[in-house]
Amino acid sequence: MKLRFLKVFVILFVLTFTILNGRFLSANVNYWLKINTELPDLVQLPPAKDKSPVPLPNMTTLTVGKIGITAPIVFNVASDNDKILKNLENGVVHYSNTPKPGLDGVSVILGHSSAYPWYRGKYGSVFALLGKLEPGDKFSVKYSDGRTFNFNVKQSLIFSPFSDDLQLKQIEKYPGSSLVLISCWPIGTNYKRIAVQAELVK
């Protein structure tokens, strides 16, 4: 009797876990089967350097070949948490208090690492594999006018959003141009955050 109960419990647990984390499991299967493709070498076209540079457009794509990400970046979202969450249904969200990727300063991009099966957007687990990025990995941001910026991963760290973190403060003060990808961590929770810092390849 006890053995039968244990079997039923294990089967129900596995089914529940699979249903609730289907997107994350699918992303991992694709990663290990190498369904994703590595990024080709991209030509970097810097913004104009005259006194009135051409502004970067708002139609932009983030591509991270190693973990199979191609997602639009949503701009002009207020720093209000509810508006950010709503816009995460449409892609990854640029944190408006930071410069656009490719400009001087530290740019921040937010994305979901996991979502329930009934989540309406198709980007509910866009950053599910963020933890697989390592120093030296590359990714790109391409604007609709053709300007493309390549980034080289420098480090990743896990931090609590509810306390000060010295490493995070060092990233915020990084000189030059860098991009930080942030998501919830561990997968399926919002207990902590993972941040992957990359610097602009010049």
C-alpha atoms as a PDB file:
ATOM      1  CA  MET A   1       0.000   0.000   0.000  1.00  0.00           C
ATOM      2  CA  LYS A   2       2.764   2.420   0.963  1.00  0.00           C
ATOM      3  CA  LEU A   3       4.717   1.570  -2.200  1.00  0.00           C
ATOM      4  CA  ARG A   4       1.687   2.221  -4.377  1.00  0.00           C
ATOM      5  CA  PHE A   5       1.064   5.565  -2.654  1.00  0.00           C
ATOM      6  CA  LEU A   6       4.726   6.527  -3.170  1.00  0.00           C
ATOM      7  CA  LYS A   7       4.534   5.679  -6.893  1.00  0.00           C
ATOM      8  CA  VAL A   8       1.373   7.739  -7.347  1.00  0.00           C
ATOM      9  CA  PHE A   9       2.941  10.642  -5.448  1.00  0.00           C
ATOM     10  CA  VAL A  10       6.121  10.572  -7.569  1.00  0.00           C
ATOM     11  CA  ILE A  11       4.137  10.394 -10.829  1.00  0.00           C
ATOM     12  CA  LEU A  12       1.891  13.303  -9.793  1.00  0.00           C
ATOM     13  CA  PHE A  13       4.904  15.343  -8.675  1.00  0.00           C
ATOM     14  CA  VAL A  14       6.729  14.782 -11.983  1.00  0.00           C
ATOM     15  CA  LEU A  15       3.602  15.650 -14.010  1.00  0.00           C
ATOM     16  CA  THR A  16       2.949  18.824 -11.989  1.00  0.00           C
ATOM     17  CA  PHE A  17       6.591  19.919 -12.254  1.00  0.00           C
ATOM     18  CA  THR A  18       6.598  19.290 -16.019  1.00  0.00           C
ATOM     19  CA  ILE A  19       3.375  21.238 -16.569  1.00  0.00           C
ATOM     20  CA  LEU A  20       4.458  24.227 -14.467  1.00  0.00           C
ATOM     21  CA  ASN A  21       7.991  24.335 -15.883  1.00  0.00           C
ATOM     22  CA  GLY A  22       7.325  23.218 -19.442  1.00  0.00           C
ATOM     23  CA  ARG A  23       8.899  26.299 -21.027  1.00  0.00           C
ATOM     24  CA  PHE A  24      12.072  25.942 -18.966  1.00  0.00           C
ATOM     25  CA  LEU A  25      12.351  22.222 -19.732  1.00  0.00           C
ATOM     26  CA  SER A  26      11.770  22.859 -23.446  1.00  0.00           C
ATOM     27  CA  ALA A  27      14.479  25.536 -23.493  1.00  0.00           C
ATOM     28  CA  ASN A  28      16.937  23.137 -21.844  1.00  0.00           C
ATOM     29  CA  VAL A  29      16.112  20.291 -24.251  1.00  0.00           C
ATOM     30  CA  ASN A  30      16.653  22.616 -27.218  1.00  0.00           C
ATOM     31  CA  TYR A  31      19.926  23.815 -25.709  1.00  0.00           C
ATOM     32  CA  TRP A  32      21.310  20.323 -25.149  1.00  0.00           C
ATOM     33  CA  LEU A  33      20.180  19.130 -28.582  1.00  0.00           C
ATOM     34  CA  LYS A  34      21.946  22.186 -30.046  1.00  0.00           C
ATOM     35  CA  ILE A  35      18.799  23.295 -31.864  1.00  0.00           C
ATOM     36  CA  ASN A  36      19.941  26.887 -31.378  1.00  0.00           C
ATOM     37  CA  THR A  37      22.611  28.321 -33.667  1.00  0.00           C
ATOM     38  CA  GLU A  38      25.681  30.322 -32.802  1.00  0.00           C
ATOM     39  CA  LEU A  39      25.808  33.965 -33.813  1.00  0.00           C
ATOM     40  CA  PRO A  40      27.563  34.781 -37.056  1.00  0.00           C
ATOM     41  CA  ASP A  41      30.204  37.497 -36.991  1.00  0.00           C
ATOM     42  CA  LEU A  42      28.353  40.807 -37.074  1.00  0.00           C
ATOM     43  CA  VAL A  43      29.517  44.153 -38.352  1.00  0.00           C
ATOM     44  CA  GLN A  44      29.356  46.788 -35.659  1.00  0.00           C
ATOM     45  CA  LEU A  45      28.091  50.160 -36.817  1.00  0.00           C
ATOM     46  CA  PRO A  46      28.604  52.755 -34.073  1.00  0.00           C
ATOM     47  CA  PRO A  47      26.317  55.753 -33.650  1.00  0.00           C
ATOM     48  CA  ALA A  48      27.330  58.950 -35.380  1.00  0.00           C
ATOM     49  CA  LYS A  49      29.866  60.958 -33.401  1.00  0.00           C
ATOM     50  CA  ASP A  50      29.009  64.474 -34.539  1.00  0.00           C
ATOM     51  CA  LYS A  51      27.358  67.086 -32.329  1.00  0.00           C
ATOM     52  CA  SER A  52      23.868  65.911 -33.228  1.00  0.00           C
ATOM     53  CA  PRO A  53      24.062  62.102 -33.490  1.00  0.00           C
ATOM     54  CA  VAL A  54      21.191  60.246 -35.083  1.00  0.00           C
ATOM     55  CA  PRO A  55      19.090  58.837 -32.226  1.00  0.00           C
ATOM     56  CA  LEU A  56      18.871  55.074 -31.956  1.00  0.00           C
ATOM     57  CA  PRO A  57      15.433  53.796 -33.012  1.00  0.00           C
ATOM     58  CA  ASN A  58      13.025  51.963 -30.722  1.00  0.00           C
ATOM     59  CA  MET A  59      12.706  48.852 -32.897  1.00  0.00           C
ATOM     60  CA  THR A  60      15.496  46.563 -31.732  1.00  0.00           C
ATOM     61  CA  THR A  61      16.310  42.851 -31.445  1.00  0.00           C
ATOM     62  CA  LEU A  62      18.407  41.081 -28.820  1.00  0.00           C
ATOM     63  CA  THR A  63      20.098  37.927 -30.154  1.00  0.00           C
ATOM     64  CA  VAL A  64      21.984  35.507 -27.908  1.00  0.00           C
ATOM     65  CA  GLY A  65      23.000  32.603 -30.149  1.00  0.00           C
ATOM     66  CA  LYS A  66      24.431  30.326 -27.465  1.00  0.00           C
ATOM     67  CA  ILE A  67      21.100  30.009 -25.663  1.00  0.00           C
ATOM     68  CA  GLY A  68      18.764  30.461 -28.636  1.00  0.00           C
ATOM     69  CA  ILE A  69      17.356  33.911 -27.842  1.00  0.00           C
ATOM     70  CA  THR A  70      15.926  36.235 -30.467  1.00  0.00           C
ATOM     71  CA  ALA A  71      13.609  38.755 -28.827  1.00  0.00           C
ATOM     72  CA  PRO A  72      12.445  42.315 -29.421  1.00  0.00           C
ATOM     73  CA  ILE A  73      13.532  44.901 -26.872  1.00  0.00           C
ATOM     74  CA  VAL A  74      10.616  46.998 -25.610  1.00  0.00           C
ATOM     75  CA  PHE A  75      11.518  50.636 -24.898  1.00  0.00           C
ATOM     76  CA  ASN A  76       9.789  53.553 -23.195  1.00  0.00           C
ATOM     77  CA  VAL A  77       8.282  51.498 -20.385  1.00  0.00           C
ATOM     78  CA  ALA A  78       7.879  53.401 -17.137  1.00  0.00           C
ATOM     79  CA  SER A  79       9.769  52.056 -14.125  1.00  0.00           C
ATOM     80  CA  ASP A  80       6.414  51.033 -12.606  1.00  0.00           C
ATOM     81  CA  ASN A  81       6.563  47.305 -11.831  1.00  0.00           C
ATOM     82  CA  ASP A  82       3.078  46.525 -13.212  1.00  0.00           C
ATOM     83  CA  LYS A  83       3.861  48.200 -16.554  1.00  0.00           C
ATOM     84  CA  ILE A  84       7.164  46.341 -16.819  1.00  0.00           C
ATOM     85  CA  LEU A  85       5.431  43.003 -16.156  1.00  0.00           C
ATOM     86  CA  LYS A  86       2.739  43.774 -18.746  1.00  0.00           C
ATOM     87  CA  ASN A  87       5.330  44.671 -21.395  1.00  0.00           C
ATOM     88  CA  LEU A  88       7.346  41.504 -20.739  1.00  0.00           C
ATOM     89  CA  GLU A  89       4.595  39.745 -22.708  1.00  0.00           C
ATOM     90  CA  ASN A  90       5.969  41.457 -25.832  1.00  0.00           C
ATOM     91  CA  GLY A  91       9.687  40.705 -25.432  1.00  0.00           C
ATOM     92  CA  VAL A  92      12.442  41.797 -23.087  1.00  0.00           C
ATOM     93  CA  VAL A  93      12.156  45.237 -21.476  1.00  0.00           C
ATOM     94  CA  HIS A  94      14.728  48.000 -21.440  1.00  0.00           C
ATOM     95  CA  TYR A  95      14.887  49.622 -18.006  1.00  0.00           C
ATOM     96  CA  SER A  96      14.077  53.229 -18.913  1.00  0.00           C
ATOM     97  CA  ASN A  97      16.368  54.855 -16.352  1.00  0.00           C
ATOM     98  CA  THR A  98      19.399  53.482 -18.210  1.00  0.00           C
ATOM     99  CA  PRO A  99      20.857  54.362 -21.641  1.00  0.00           C
ATOM    100  CA  LYS A 100      19.979  52.335 -24.720  1.00  0.00           C
ATOM    101  CA  PRO A 101      22.308  49.413 -25.489  1.00  0.00           C
ATOM    102  CA  GLY A 102      25.367  50.652 -27.387  1.00  0.00           C
ATOM    103  CA  LEU A 103      25.425  54.112 -25.810  1.00  0.00           C
ATOM    104  CA  ASP A 104      27.818  55.140 -23.045  1.00  0.00           C
ATOM    105  CA  GLY A 105      26.808  53.887 -19.616  1.00  0.00           C
ATOM    106  CA  VAL A 106      25.251  50.752 -18.180  1.00  0.00           C
ATOM    107  CA  SER A 107      22.118  49.602 -20.000  1.00  0.00           C
ATOM    108  CA  VAL A 108      19.752  47.164 -18.268  1.00  0.00           C
ATOM    109  CA  ILE A 109      17.454  44.641 -19.982  1.00  0.00           C
ATOM    110  CA  LEU A 110      14.846  42.650 -18.013  1.00  0.00           C
ATOM    111  CA  GLY A 111      13.283  39.337 -19.038  1.00  0.00           C
ATOM    112  CA  HIS A 112      11.308  36.421 -17.600  1.00  0.00           C
ATOM    113  CA  SER A 113      13.123  33.212 -16.680  1.00  0.00           C
ATOM    114  CA  SER A 114       9.954  31.151 -16.265  1.00  0.00           C
ATOM    115  CA  ALA A 115       6.202  31.492 -16.492  1.00  0.00           C
ATOM    116  CA  TYR A 116       3.153  29.363 -15.941  1.00  0.00           C
ATOM    117  CA  PRO A 117       1.700  27.471 -18.939  1.00  0.00           C
ATOM    118  CA  TRP A 118      -1.261  29.868 -19.118  1.00  0.00           C
ATOM    119  CA  TYR A 119       1.031  32.920 -19.466  1.00  0.00           C
ATOM    120  CA  ARG A 120      -0.207  34.934 -22.436  1.00  0.00           C
ATOM    121  CA  GLY A 121       3.079  36.177 -23.917  1.00  0.00           C
ATOM    122  CA  LYS A 122       5.488  33.999 -25.871  1.00  0.00           C
ATOM    123  CA  TYR A 123       8.474  35.396 -23.948  1.00  0.00           C
ATOM    124  CA  GLY A 124       7.593  33.859 -20.587  1.00  0.00           C
ATOM    125  CA  SER A 125      10.901  31.986 -20.358  1.00  0.00           C
ATOM    126  CA  VAL A 126      13.094  34.016 -22.705  1.00  0.00           C
ATOM    127  CA  PHE A 127      15.881  34.215 -20.082  1.00  0.00           C
ATOM    128  CA  ALA A 128      15.465  30.635 -18.792  1.00  0.00           C
ATOM    129  CA  LEU A 129      19.029  29.722 -19.829  1.00  0.00           C
ATOM    130  CA  LEU A 130      20.728  32.964 -18.780  1.00  0.00           C
ATOM    131  CA  GLY A 131      22.787  31.041 -16.225  1.00  0.00           C
ATOM    132  CA  LYS A 132      24.539  29.145 -19.035  1.00  0.00           C
ATOM    133  CA  LEU A 133      26.302  32.273 -20.320  1.00  0.00           C
ATOM    134  CA  GLU A 134      29.982  32.393 -19.435  1.00  0.00           C
ATOM    135  CA  PRO A 135      32.761  34.989 -19.757  1.00  0.00           C
ATOM    136  CA  GLY A 136      33.747  35.274 -23.398  1.00  0.00           C
ATOM    137  CA  ASP A 137      30.301  34.442 -24.806  1.00  0.00           C
ATOM    138  CA  LYS A 138      28.981  37.000 -27.258  1.00  0.00           C
ATOM    139  CA  PHE A 139      25.581  38.399 -28.154  1.00  0.00           C
ATOM    140  CA  SER A 140      24.233  41.334 -30.145  1.00  0.00           C
ATOM    141  CA  VAL A 141      21.673  44.105 -30.225  1.00  0.00           C
ATOM    142  CA  LYS A 142      20.503  45.133 -33.700  1.00  0.00           C
ATOM    143  CA  TYR A 143      18.470  48.280 -34.319  1.00  0.00           C
ATOM    144  CA  SER A 144      15.990  48.635 -37.159  1.00  0.00           C
ATOM    145  CA  ASP A 145      18.242  51.141 -38.948  1.00  0.00           C
ATOM    146  CA  GLY A 146      20.945  48.467 -39.251  1.00  0.00           C
ATOM    147  CA  ARG A 147      23.205  49.606 -36.441  1.00  0.00           C
ATOM    148  CA  THR A 148      24.423  46.528 -34.594  1.00  0.00           C
ATOM    149  CA  PHE A 149      26.306  46.372 -31.311  1.00  0.00           C
ATOM    150  CA  ASN A 150      28.171  43.267 -30.189  1.00  0.00           C
ATOM    151  CA  PHE A 151      28.687  42.514 -26.510  1.00  0.00           C
ATOM    152  CA  ASN A 152      31.162  40.232 -24.744  1.00  0.00           C
ATOM    153  CA  VAL A 153      30.078  38.583 -21.463  1.00  0.00           C
ATOM    154  CA  LYS A 154      32.345  39.569 -18.563  1.00  0.00           C
ATOM    155  CA  GLN A 155      30.646  38.007 -15.546  1.00  0.00           C
ATOM    156  CA  SER A 156      27.406  36.847 -13.990  1.00  0.00           C
ATOM    157  CA  LEU A 157      26.234  37.099 -10.409  1.00  0.00           C
ATOM    158  CA  ILE A 158      23.295  36.148  -8.215  1.00  0.00           C
ATOM    159  CA  PHE A 159      21.932  38.868  -5.944  1.00  0.00           C
ATOM    160  CA  SER A 160      18.983  39.685  -3.726  1.00  0.00           C
ATOM    161  CA  PRO A 161      16.755  42.526  -4.935  1.00  0.00           C
ATOM    162  CA  PHE A 162      15.964  43.296  -1.297  1.00  0.00           C
ATOM    163  CA  SER A 163      19.490  44.107  -0.113  1.00  0.00           C
ATOM    164  CA  ASP A 164      22.559  46.051  -1.220  1.00  0.00           C
ATOM    165  CA  ASP A 165      25.154  44.064  -3.133  1.00  0.00           C
ATOM    166  CA  LEU A 166      28.684  45.394  -3.590  1.00  0.00           C
ATOM    167  CA  GLN A 167      29.215  43.464  -6.825  1.00  0.00           C
ATOM    168  CA  LEU A 168      26.044  44.951  -8.266  1.00  0.00           C
ATOM    169  CA  LYS A 169      27.188  48.449  -7.319  1.00  0.00           C
ATOM    170  CA  GLN A 170      30.475  47.831  -9.124  1.00  0.00           C
ATOM    171  CA  ILE A 171      28.557  46.824 -12.260  1.00  0.00           C
ATOM    172  CA  GLU A 172      26.441  49.991 -12.005  1.00  0.00           C
ATOM    173  CA  LYS A 173      29.619  52.104 -11.962  1.00  0.00           C
ATOM    174  CA  TYR A 174      31.230  50.303 -14.910  1.00  0.00           C
ATOM    175  CA  PRO A 175      32.998  52.817 -17.207  1.00  0.00           C
ATOM    176  CA  GLY A 176      32.285  52.882 -20.933  1.00  0.00           C
ATOM    177  CA  SER A 177      29.380  51.013 -22.496  1.00  0.00           C
ATOM    178  CA  SER A 178      27.965  47.791 -21.062  1.00  0.00           C
ATOM    179  CA  LEU A 179      24.733  45.825 -21.025  1.00  0.00           C
ATOM    180  CA  VAL A 180      23.293  43.856 -18.089  1.00  0.00           C
ATOM    181  CA  LEU A 181      20.674  41.138 -18.633  1.00  0.00           C
ATOM    182  CA  ILE A 182      18.586  40.499 -15.492  1.00  0.00           C
ATOM    183  CA  SER A 183      16.032  37.817 -14.621  1.00  0.00           C
ATOM    184  CA  CYS A 184      14.538  36.007 -11.624  1.00  0.00           C
ATOM    185  CA  TRP A 185      16.546  33.226 -10.002  1.00  0.00           C
ATOM    186  CA  PRO A 186      16.304  30.294  -9.303  1.00  0.00           C
ATOM    187  CA  ILE A 187      13.998  29.252 -12.135  1.00  0.00           C
ATOM    188  CA  GLY A 188      10.361  29.278 -11.072  1.00  0.00           C
ATOM    189  CA  THR A 189      10.871  31.740  -8.202  1.00  0.00           C
ATOM    190  CA  ASN A 190      11.450  35.465  -7.707  1.00  0.00           C
ATOM    191  CA  TYR A 191      13.559  34.955  -4.573  1.00  0.00           C
ATOM    192  CA  LYS A 192      16.760  36.338  -6.137  1.00  0.00           C
ATOM    193  CA  ARG A 193      17.998  37.721  -9.443  1.00  0.00           C
ATOM    194  CA  ILE A 194      20.677  36.706 -11.906  1.00  0.00           C
ATOM    195  CA  ALA A 195      22.605  39.466 -13.684  1.00  0.00           C
ATOM    196  CA  VAL A 196      24.847  38.858 -16.693  1.00  0.00           C
ATOM    197  CA  GLN A 197      27.160  41.772 -17.448  1.00  0.00           C
ATOM    198  CA  ALA A 198      28.634  42.221 -20.922  1.00  0.00           C
ATOM    199  CA  GLU A 199      30.796  45.001 -22.335  1.00  0.00           C
ATOM    200  CA  LEU A 200      30.532  46.564 -25.767  1.00  0.00           C
ATOM    201  CA  VAL A 201      33.020  45.152 -28.259  1.00  0.00           C
ATOM    202  CA  LYS A 202      34.814  48.129 -29.809  1.00  0.00           C
END
